[in-house]
Amino acid sequence: YGLHPMFTASQAVAEVSLPQTSTPLSDRIINSEAMLLGFLAEKSLPFSLATDLLQLVKEMSKDG
């Protein structure tokens, strides 16, 4: 158990912090809706499912 001896001499890898882009919420919402409509079209599903499916996705993505 524990760290294999082969790795004990190795140095710790420094973490690189990547810059995070800040995408406005309105753009993320529009992008999500466009992806949903594209999915419906790609799978030949009726667009009448969009409203219910969008509500489902919103419920599934809630925090907490």
N, C-alpha and C. Protein backbone atom coordinates (compact mmCIF):
# COMPACT_ATOMS: atom_id res chain seq x y z
N TYR A 1 0.83 -1.17 0.00
CA TYR A 1 0.00 0.00 0.00
C TYR A 1 0.88 1.24 0.00
N GLY A 2 0.30 2.33 -0.41
CA GLY A 2 1.08 3.56 -0.47
C GLY A 2 1.62 3.77 -1.88
N LEU A 3 2.52 4.69 -1.98
CA LEU A 3 3.08 5.07 -3.27
C LEU A 3 4.17 4.09 -3.68
N HIS A 4 4.14 3.66 -4.92
CA HIS A 4 5.14 2.75 -5.44
C HIS A 4 6.50 3.44 -5.39
N PRO A 5 7.57 2.70 -5.03
CA PRO A 5 8.91 3.30 -4.92
C PRO A 5 9.37 3.99 -6.20
N MET A 6 8.89 3.54 -7.34
CA MET A 6 9.27 4.14 -8.60
C MET A 6 8.88 5.62 -8.65
N PHE A 7 7.81 5.99 -7.94
CA PHE A 7 7.31 7.35 -8.00
C PHE A 7 7.79 8.24 -6.87
N THR A 8 8.48 7.69 -5.90
CA THR A 8 8.89 8.50 -4.75
C THR A 8 9.94 9.53 -5.11
N ALA A 9 10.78 9.25 -6.10
CA ALA A 9 11.83 10.20 -6.48
C ALA A 9 11.32 11.28 -7.43
N SER A 10 10.15 11.09 -7.98
CA SER A 10 9.65 12.07 -8.94
C SER A 10 9.17 13.33 -8.22
N GLN A 11 9.24 14.43 -8.92
CA GLN A 11 8.82 15.71 -8.35
C GLN A 11 7.34 15.93 -8.62
N ALA A 12 6.75 16.73 -7.77
CA ALA A 12 5.33 17.05 -7.94
C ALA A 12 5.15 17.91 -9.19
N VAL A 13 4.06 17.68 -9.86
CA VAL A 13 3.75 18.44 -11.06
C VAL A 13 3.05 19.72 -10.65
N ALA A 14 3.52 20.83 -11.17
CA ALA A 14 2.90 22.12 -10.86
C ALA A 14 1.58 22.24 -11.61
N GLU A 15 0.57 22.70 -10.91
CA GLU A 15 -0.73 22.89 -11.55
C GLU A 15 -0.72 24.16 -12.38
N VAL A 16 -1.26 24.05 -13.57
CA VAL A 16 -1.35 25.21 -14.45
C VAL A 16 -2.78 25.70 -14.41
N SER A 17 -2.95 26.95 -14.11
CA SER A 17 -4.29 27.52 -14.06
C SER A 17 -4.62 28.13 -15.41
N LEU A 18 -5.60 27.54 -16.08
CA LEU A 18 -6.01 28.05 -17.38
C LEU A 18 -6.97 29.22 -17.19
N PRO A 19 -6.85 30.22 -18.03
CA PRO A 19 -7.78 31.35 -17.90
C PRO A 19 -9.20 30.90 -18.24
N GLN A 20 -10.14 31.35 -17.45
CA GLN A 20 -11.53 30.98 -17.69
C GLN A 20 -12.23 32.12 -18.41
N THR A 21 -12.87 31.76 -19.50
CA THR A 21 -13.62 32.78 -20.23
C THR A 21 -14.98 32.92 -19.59
N SER A 22 -15.47 34.10 -19.59
CA SER A 22 -16.77 34.37 -19.00
C SER A 22 -17.79 34.58 -20.12
N THR A 23 -18.60 33.56 -20.35
CA THR A 23 -19.65 33.65 -21.36
C THR A 23 -20.92 34.12 -20.68
N PRO A 24 -21.53 35.18 -21.22
CA PRO A 24 -22.76 35.67 -20.59
C PRO A 24 -23.83 34.59 -20.52
N LEU A 25 -24.62 34.64 -19.46
CA LEU A 25 -25.66 33.64 -19.25
C LEU A 25 -26.63 33.61 -20.43
N SER A 26 -26.99 34.76 -20.96
CA SER A 26 -27.94 34.78 -22.08
C SER A 26 -27.39 34.03 -23.28
N ASP A 27 -26.08 34.14 -23.53
CA ASP A 27 -25.48 33.41 -24.64
C ASP A 27 -25.47 31.91 -24.38
N ARG A 28 -25.23 31.51 -23.13
CA ARG A 28 -25.25 30.09 -22.80
C ARG A 28 -26.65 29.51 -22.94
N ILE A 29 -27.66 30.28 -22.56
CA ILE A 29 -29.05 29.82 -22.69
C ILE A 29 -29.40 29.65 -24.15
N ILE A 30 -29.07 30.64 -24.97
CA ILE A 30 -29.38 30.57 -26.40
C ILE A 30 -28.65 29.40 -27.04
N ASN A 31 -27.39 29.19 -26.67
CA ASN A 31 -26.63 28.07 -27.21
C ASN A 31 -27.26 26.73 -26.82
N SER A 32 -27.70 26.61 -25.58
CA SER A 32 -28.33 25.37 -25.13
C SER A 32 -29.62 25.10 -25.88
N GLU A 33 -30.41 26.14 -26.08
CA GLU A 33 -31.67 25.97 -26.82
C GLU A 33 -31.40 25.57 -28.26
N ALA A 34 -30.38 26.17 -28.87
CA ALA A 34 -30.03 25.82 -30.25
C ALA A 34 -29.55 24.37 -30.34
N MET A 35 -28.77 23.93 -29.35
CA MET A 35 -28.32 22.54 -29.34
C MET A 35 -29.50 21.59 -29.19
N LEU A 36 -30.47 21.96 -28.36
CA LEU A 36 -31.66 21.13 -28.17
C LEU A 36 -32.44 21.01 -29.48
N LEU A 37 -32.65 22.14 -30.15
CA LEU A 37 -33.39 22.11 -31.41
C LEU A 37 -32.63 21.33 -32.48
N GLY A 38 -31.31 21.46 -32.49
CA GLY A 38 -30.50 20.69 -33.43
C GLY A 38 -30.62 19.20 -33.17
N PHE A 39 -30.64 18.81 -31.89
CA PHE A 39 -30.80 17.41 -31.52
C PHE A 39 -32.14 16.87 -32.01
N LEU A 40 -33.20 17.65 -31.78
CA LEU A 40 -34.53 17.22 -32.22
C LEU A 40 -34.57 17.03 -33.73
N ALA A 41 -33.97 17.96 -34.46
CA ALA A 41 -33.97 17.87 -35.92
C ALA A 41 -33.13 16.68 -36.39
N GLU A 42 -31.99 16.48 -35.77
CA GLU A 42 -31.10 15.39 -36.17
C GLU A 42 -31.74 14.03 -35.96
N LYS A 43 -32.52 13.89 -34.90
CA LYS A 43 -33.17 12.61 -34.58
C LYS A 43 -34.58 12.51 -35.16
N SER A 44 -34.97 13.51 -35.95
CA SER A 44 -36.31 13.55 -36.57
C SER A 44 -37.42 13.48 -35.54
N LEU A 45 -37.22 14.15 -34.42
CA LEU A 45 -38.24 14.22 -33.37
C LEU A 45 -39.07 15.47 -33.59
N PRO A 46 -40.33 15.44 -33.20
CA PRO A 46 -41.18 16.62 -33.39
C PRO A 46 -40.72 17.79 -32.51
N PHE A 47 -40.77 18.99 -33.08
CA PHE A 47 -40.38 20.18 -32.33
C PHE A 47 -41.33 20.48 -31.18
N SER A 48 -42.49 19.84 -31.18
CA SER A 48 -43.43 20.04 -30.07
C SER A 48 -42.85 19.48 -28.76
N LEU A 49 -41.85 18.62 -28.85
CA LEU A 49 -41.19 18.09 -27.66
C LEU A 49 -40.24 19.11 -27.03
N ALA A 50 -39.88 20.15 -27.77
CA ALA A 50 -38.85 21.08 -27.32
C ALA A 50 -39.18 21.70 -25.97
N THR A 51 -40.40 22.18 -25.78
CA THR A 51 -40.76 22.85 -24.53
C THR A 51 -40.64 21.91 -23.34
N ASP A 52 -41.22 20.71 -23.47
CA ASP A 52 -41.16 19.75 -22.37
C ASP A 52 -39.74 19.26 -22.12
N LEU A 53 -39.00 19.02 -23.19
CA LEU A 53 -37.63 18.55 -23.04
C LEU A 53 -36.74 19.63 -22.42
N LEU A 54 -36.97 20.88 -22.79
CA LEU A 54 -36.22 21.99 -22.21
C LEU A 54 -36.49 22.10 -20.71
N GLN A 55 -37.73 21.95 -20.31
CA GLN A 55 -38.06 21.98 -18.88
C GLN A 55 -37.40 20.82 -18.14
N LEU A 56 -37.38 19.65 -18.76
CA LEU A 56 -36.73 18.49 -18.15
C LEU A 56 -35.24 18.75 -17.94
N VAL A 57 -34.58 19.28 -18.96
CA VAL A 57 -33.15 19.56 -18.86
C VAL A 57 -32.89 20.61 -17.78
N LYS A 58 -33.74 21.61 -17.69
CA LYS A 58 -33.58 22.63 -16.65
C LYS A 58 -33.69 22.01 -15.26
N GLU A 59 -34.64 21.11 -15.07
CA GLU A 59 -34.80 20.45 -13.77
C GLU A 59 -33.60 19.57 -13.45
N MET A 60 -33.08 18.88 -14.47
CA MET A 60 -31.96 17.98 -14.26
C MET A 60 -30.67 18.74 -13.95
N SER A 61 -30.56 19.97 -14.40
CA SER A 61 -29.31 20.70 -14.23
C SER A 61 -29.31 21.65 -13.04
N LYS A 62 -30.36 21.60 -12.21
CA LYS A 62 -30.41 22.46 -11.03
C LYS A 62 -29.36 22.02 -10.01
N ASP A 63 -28.81 22.99 -9.32
CA ASP A 63 -27.87 22.69 -8.24
C ASP A 63 -28.65 22.34 -6.98
N GLY A 64 -28.15 21.35 -6.28
CA GLY A 64 -28.72 21.04 -4.97
C GLY A 64 -29.83 20.16 -4.98
